[in-house]
Protein backbone atom coordinates (compact mmCIF):
# COMPACT_ATOMS: atom_id res chain seq x y z
CA MET A 1 -3.47 -12.46 -11.50
CA THR A 2 -0.76 -12.47 -14.13
CA PRO A 3 -1.03 -10.82 -17.58
CA GLU A 4 -1.24 -14.33 -19.10
CA GLN A 5 -4.23 -15.14 -16.90
CA TYR A 6 -6.01 -11.89 -17.81
CA THR A 7 -5.38 -12.65 -21.50
CA PHE A 8 -6.96 -16.07 -20.97
CA LEU A 9 -10.02 -14.42 -19.40
CA ARG A 10 -10.37 -12.06 -22.37
CA ASN A 11 -10.15 -14.89 -24.86
CA LEU A 12 -12.60 -17.06 -22.94
CA ALA A 13 -15.13 -14.22 -22.69
CA ALA A 14 -14.73 -13.35 -26.37
CA ASN A 15 -14.60 -16.84 -27.94
CA ARG A 16 -16.90 -18.71 -25.50
CA SER A 17 -15.20 -22.02 -26.23
CA ALA A 18 -17.05 -25.04 -24.86
CA ARG A 19 -13.87 -27.07 -24.39
CA LEU A 20 -10.19 -26.20 -23.88
CA SER A 21 -7.19 -28.39 -23.09
CA SER A 22 -4.33 -25.92 -22.56
CA ALA A 23 -2.17 -25.70 -19.45
CA ILE A 24 -3.51 -22.23 -18.62
CA ALA A 25 -7.09 -23.54 -18.87
CA MET A 26 -6.25 -26.27 -16.34
CA GLU A 27 -4.57 -23.74 -14.07
CA MET A 28 -7.54 -21.35 -14.16
CA ALA A 29 -9.97 -24.19 -13.50
CA ARG A 30 -8.01 -25.21 -10.39
CA THR A 31 -7.23 -21.74 -9.01
CA GLN A 32 -10.12 -19.57 -10.24
CA ASP A 33 -12.97 -22.12 -10.41
CA LEU A 34 -13.44 -21.52 -14.15
CA GLY A 35 -14.87 -24.56 -15.90
CA ARG A 36 -14.96 -28.23 -14.94
CA ILE A 37 -12.02 -30.55 -15.54
CA ARG A 38 -12.92 -33.69 -17.45
CA GLY A 39 -9.87 -35.82 -18.08
CA ARG A 40 -7.34 -33.70 -19.96
CA ALA A 41 -9.85 -31.02 -20.96
CA VAL A 42 -11.83 -28.24 -19.29
CA LEU A 43 -15.52 -27.85 -20.15
CA TYR A 44 -17.31 -24.50 -19.99
CA GLU A 45 -20.87 -23.23 -19.66
CA GLU A 46 -22.40 -19.77 -20.01
CA SER A 47 -21.89 -19.15 -16.28
CA ASP A 48 -18.13 -19.53 -16.76
CA PHE A 49 -18.09 -16.91 -19.52
CA LEU A 50 -20.05 -14.53 -17.30
CA LYS A 51 -17.64 -15.20 -14.44
CA ALA A 52 -14.68 -14.35 -16.71
CA GLU A 53 -16.36 -11.07 -17.72
CA THR A 54 -16.99 -10.23 -14.06
CA LYS A 55 -13.35 -10.83 -13.16
CA LEU A 56 -12.26 -8.53 -15.98
CA ARG A 57 -14.68 -5.80 -14.92
CA ASN A 58 -13.53 -6.05 -11.30
CA ALA A 59 -9.95 -5.61 -12.49
CA GLY A 60 -10.91 -2.58 -14.60
CA LEU A 61 -10.15 -4.39 -17.87
CA ALA A 62 -12.12 -4.49 -21.08
CA GLY A 63 -13.68 -7.84 -21.89
CA VAL A 64 -12.00 -7.99 -25.30
CA ALA A 65 -8.58 -6.52 -25.92
CA PRO A 66 -8.91 -3.60 -28.38
CA ALA A 67 -7.28 -3.96 -31.75
CA PRO A 68 -4.06 -1.96 -32.03
CA GLY A 69 -4.55 1.31 -33.87
CA ARG A 70 -2.27 2.88 -36.45
CA ARG A 71 0.02 5.77 -35.71
CA ARG A 72 -1.68 9.12 -36.12
CA SER A 73 0.69 9.94 -38.97
CA GLU A 74 -0.71 6.90 -40.81
CA ALA A 75 -4.32 8.08 -40.66
CA ASP A 76 -6.11 8.30 -43.99
CA ASP A 77 -5.77 12.10 -44.17
CA ALA A 78 -4.27 14.94 -42.17
CA ALA A 79 -7.19 15.24 -39.75
CA SER A 80 -6.03 15.02 -36.12
CA GLU A 81 -8.83 12.81 -34.77
CA LYS A 82 -9.26 9.74 -36.95
CA ALA A 83 -11.08 6.72 -35.60
CA ALA A 84 -8.49 4.37 -37.14
CA ALA A 85 -5.54 6.17 -35.54
CA ALA A 86 -4.01 5.12 -32.23
CA PRO A 87 -5.20 7.13 -29.21
CA VAL A 88 -3.07 10.17 -28.46
CA THR A 89 -2.29 8.65 -25.03
CA GLU A 90 -0.92 5.43 -26.58
CA GLY A 91 2.23 4.48 -24.65
CA LEU A 92 1.77 7.22 -22.06
CA VAL A 93 1.63 6.77 -18.30
CA ALA A 94 0.34 9.14 -15.62
CA VAL A 95 2.80 9.80 -12.79
CA VAL A 96 3.48 12.04 -9.81
CA ALA A 97 7.05 12.86 -8.82
CA LEU A 98 7.79 12.90 -5.09
CA GLY A 99 11.17 14.28 -4.14
CA ILE A 100 12.72 13.58 -7.55
CA GLU A 101 15.46 16.11 -8.27
CA GLY A 102 14.62 18.47 -11.13
CA VAL A 103 11.00 17.29 -11.43
CA LYS A 104 8.07 19.00 -9.71
CA THR A 105 4.44 17.94 -9.79
CA PRO A 106 2.04 20.59 -8.41
CA ARG A 107 -0.36 19.31 -5.76
CA GLY A 108 -3.54 17.93 -7.25
CA SER A 109 -1.99 17.26 -10.65
CA PHE A 110 -0.03 14.60 -12.49
CA LEU A 111 2.41 14.34 -15.39
CA ALA A 112 1.79 12.38 -18.59
CA MET A 113 4.77 10.95 -20.44
CA CYS A 114 5.98 7.96 -22.42
CA TRP A 115 6.60 5.02 -20.10
CA ARG A 116 10.21 4.81 -21.28
CA GLU A 117 10.83 8.43 -20.27
CA ALA A 118 9.27 7.77 -16.87
CA LEU A 119 11.46 4.70 -16.48
CA ALA A 120 14.57 6.82 -17.09
CA MET A 121 13.77 9.23 -14.25
CA SER A 122 15.99 9.23 -11.15
CA PHE A 123 13.81 7.86 -8.36
CA GLU A 124 14.45 5.31 -5.60
CA VAL A 125 11.12 3.55 -5.25
CA LEU A 126 8.09 3.02 -7.52
CA LEU A 127 4.65 3.46 -5.94
CA VAL A 128 1.86 1.87 -8.02
CA CYS A 129 -1.53 3.48 -7.33
CA GLU A 130 -4.82 1.89 -8.39
CA ASN A 131 -6.91 5.03 -8.93
CA LEU A 132 -6.05 8.28 -10.68
CA GLU A 133 -8.03 10.44 -8.26
CA SER A 134 -6.12 9.03 -5.31
CA MET A 135 -2.83 9.63 -7.09
CA GLN A 136 -3.74 13.30 -7.49
CA ARG A 137 -4.31 13.46 -3.71
CA ILE A 138 -1.14 11.53 -2.84
CA HIS A 139 0.36 14.49 -0.95
CA ARG A 140 -2.48 14.21 1.59
CA TYR A 141 -1.66 10.61 2.49
CA ARG A 142 0.81 11.45 5.23
CA TRP A 143 0.56 7.89 6.55
CA LEU A 144 2.62 6.83 3.50
CA GLU A 145 5.78 8.36 4.98
CA PRO A 146 6.85 5.20 6.89
CA TYR A 147 6.63 3.28 3.60
CA LEU A 148 8.56 5.88 1.59
CA LYS A 149 11.29 6.16 4.26
CA GLY A 150 12.45 9.50 2.92
CA ARG A 151 13.17 8.09 -0.55
CA SER A 152 12.38 9.81 -3.81
CA ALA A 153 9.39 8.12 -5.43
CA LEU A 154 7.63 7.92 -8.75
CA VAL A 155 3.90 7.39 -8.20
CA LEU A 156 2.45 5.47 -11.15
CA PHE A 157 -1.24 5.19 -12.06
CA ARG A 158 -1.76 1.50 -12.81
CA GLY A 159 -3.73 2.40 -15.95
CA ALA A 160 -7.21 2.07 -17.43
CA PRO A 161 -8.58 0.17 -20.45
CA ASP A 162 -8.95 3.18 -22.76
CA TRP A 163 -6.53 5.92 -21.60
CA PHE A 164 -3.14 5.74 -19.87
CA ARG A 165 -3.37 2.11 -20.82
CA ILE A 166 -2.65 -0.71 -18.36
CA ASP A 167 -0.14 -2.19 -20.78
CA ALA A 168 2.08 0.91 -20.71
CA ALA A 169 2.11 0.96 -16.90
CA ARG A 170 2.80 -2.77 -16.84
CA ARG A 171 5.78 -2.35 -19.19
CA LEU A 172 7.27 0.31 -16.92
CA VAL A 173 6.94 -1.93 -13.85
CA GLU A 174 8.38 -4.97 -15.62
CA GLU A 175 11.33 -3.13 -17.18
CA ASP A 176 12.30 -1.42 -13.92
CA SER A 177 14.43 -2.97 -11.18
CA ARG A 178 13.67 -0.70 -8.22
CA PRO A 179 11.51 -1.63 -5.19
CA VAL A 180 7.73 -1.40 -5.66
CA LEU A 181 5.11 -0.17 -3.19
CA ALA A 182 1.47 -1.18 -3.73
CA LEU A 183 -1.33 1.33 -3.08
CA PHE A 184 -4.67 -0.28 -3.94
CA ASP A 185 -8.27 -0.36 -2.74
CA PHE A 186 -8.90 -2.30 0.45
CA ASP A 187 -10.97 -4.94 -1.30
CA PRO A 188 -10.32 -8.49 -2.59
CA GLN A 189 -9.36 -7.42 -6.11
CA GLY A 190 -7.06 -4.73 -4.74
CA LEU A 191 -5.22 -7.35 -2.71
CA VAL A 192 -4.98 -9.66 -5.72
CA MET A 193 -3.47 -6.92 -7.87
CA ALA A 194 -1.06 -5.90 -5.11
CA ALA A 195 0.05 -9.51 -4.68
CA SER A 196 0.84 -9.76 -8.41
CA LEU A 197 3.30 -6.85 -8.44
CA PRO A 198 6.95 -7.86 -8.90
CA ARG A 199 9.59 -6.65 -6.41
CA ARG A 200 6.83 -5.60 -4.03
CA GLU A 201 8.35 -4.20 -0.87
CA ALA A 202 5.12 -3.36 0.95
CA LEU A 203 1.34 -3.23 0.75
CA CYS A 204 0.51 0.38 1.62
CA LEU A 205 -2.50 0.75 3.91
CA PRO A 206 -3.30 3.35 6.57
CA PRO A 207 -2.60 2.26 10.17
CA TRP A 208 -5.24 -0.27 11.19
CA GLU A 209 -6.44 1.88 14.08
CA GLU A 210 -7.36 4.54 11.50
CA LEU A 211 -8.53 2.26 8.71
CA GLU A 212 -10.81 -0.09 10.63
CA PRO A 213 -13.26 2.56 11.93
CA ILE A 214 -13.66 3.99 8.42
CA VAL A 215 -14.23 0.54 6.91
CA ARG A 216 -16.92 -0.18 9.50
CA GLU A 217 -18.53 3.25 9.08
CA ARG A 218 -18.72 3.18 5.28
CA LYS A 219 -20.28 -0.31 5.21
CA ARG A 220 -19.02 -1.16 1.72
CA HIS A 221 -20.23 -4.76 1.84
CA ASP A 222 -20.72 -4.48 -1.93
CA LEU A 223 -16.98 -4.19 -2.57
CA TYR A 224 -16.35 -7.39 -0.66
CA GLY A 225 -19.39 -9.36 -1.80
CA ALA A 226 -18.93 -8.74 -5.55
CA GLN A 227 -15.29 -9.84 -5.55
CA GLU A 228 -14.86 -12.37 -2.76
CA ALA A 229 -15.77 -15.55 -4.67
CA GLY A 230 -13.54 -14.81 -7.65
CA CYS A 231 -10.55 -13.69 -5.57
CA ARG A 232 -10.77 -16.21 -2.71
CA PRO A 233 -8.65 -19.00 -4.29
CA THR A 234 -5.78 -16.64 -5.11
CA LEU A 235 -5.83 -14.90 -1.74
CA ASN A 236 -6.16 -18.11 0.26
CA ALA A 237 -3.11 -19.46 -1.56
CA CYS A 238 -1.04 -16.31 -1.06
CA GLY A 239 1.65 -16.82 1.55
CA ASP A 240 2.70 -13.18 1.80
CA PRO A 241 2.25 -12.05 5.45
CA GLU A 242 0.94 -8.55 4.59
CA ILE A 243 -1.58 -9.82 2.06
CA ALA A 244 -2.68 -12.62 4.38
CA LEU A 245 -3.16 -10.21 7.30
CA ALA A 246 -5.23 -7.76 5.22
CA TRP A 247 -7.26 -10.62 3.74
CA GLY A 248 -8.00 -12.04 7.18
CA ARG A 249 -9.17 -8.67 8.48
CA MET A 250 -11.30 -8.12 5.41
CA ARG A 251 -12.99 -11.50 5.75
CA LEU A 252 -13.89 -10.75 9.37
CA LEU A 253 -15.40 -7.38 8.43
CA THR A 254 -17.02 -8.69 5.20
CA ARG A 255 -16.61 -5.24 3.66
CA GLY A 256 -14.00 -3.23 1.79
CA LEU A 257 -13.05 0.39 1.23
CA ASN A 258 -12.17 2.36 -1.89
CA GLN A 259 -8.86 4.17 -1.52
CA GLU A 260 -10.48 7.57 -2.15
CA ALA A 261 -11.92 7.14 1.37
CA PHE A 262 -8.51 6.54 2.97
CA PRO A 263 -7.67 9.09 5.72
CA GLU A 264 -6.02 12.32 4.61
CA ARG A 265 -3.84 14.80 6.46
CA GLU A 266 -2.25 17.94 5.03
């Protein structure tokens, strides 16, 4: 989904409005099955608010957007940890440099920097990774090589609600102009997030002959079952061949797989 749609979900979950008549409300009713259209308005019940909260949780987003904090220098006194001050990671992104001249990231680690500084780095392709743990193990995903094609890459953690915020990662992606690779969980929400990335060159998944046996073995029906209903309209409407292929395979298996379980090779 788009940032505008996620903002709508936050507002709906927080305000619990019984009736809305905006264009985004109509769109979400038609594409996400949120509310019932009555004439020019959309009517909501408690089940719709719960559905909005579930969609936010599945996307790793807080139900209500946190209020912006002040700069640490504007805290009420000189103490370094003031509740009213902005988090020390405000504006920072977590990244791993792969083949970028002059930048080295030791295996199993990542770099933290302002998103603008990361944007200024000399890389050829941006690889957006859903989970921080997987990003730390990125060197073990040798099956990524056909996607990277020998290019220098900046691996970007897509962010979390409270640290290395999603907004900072989103700003980096939106302000950049280089190709984007999507590395997400093999589950409905992962496909939805991958489909929403601009300039996406590829959906990065292990070869199917390696991935399918692991998906069957792990039996993560919960990943599929908890997300399928909310993601189905978006994925059914997606015309991208890679997303459609992965979605079709996932529906046949009725299970997903977290990317930490993807095959590794040193």
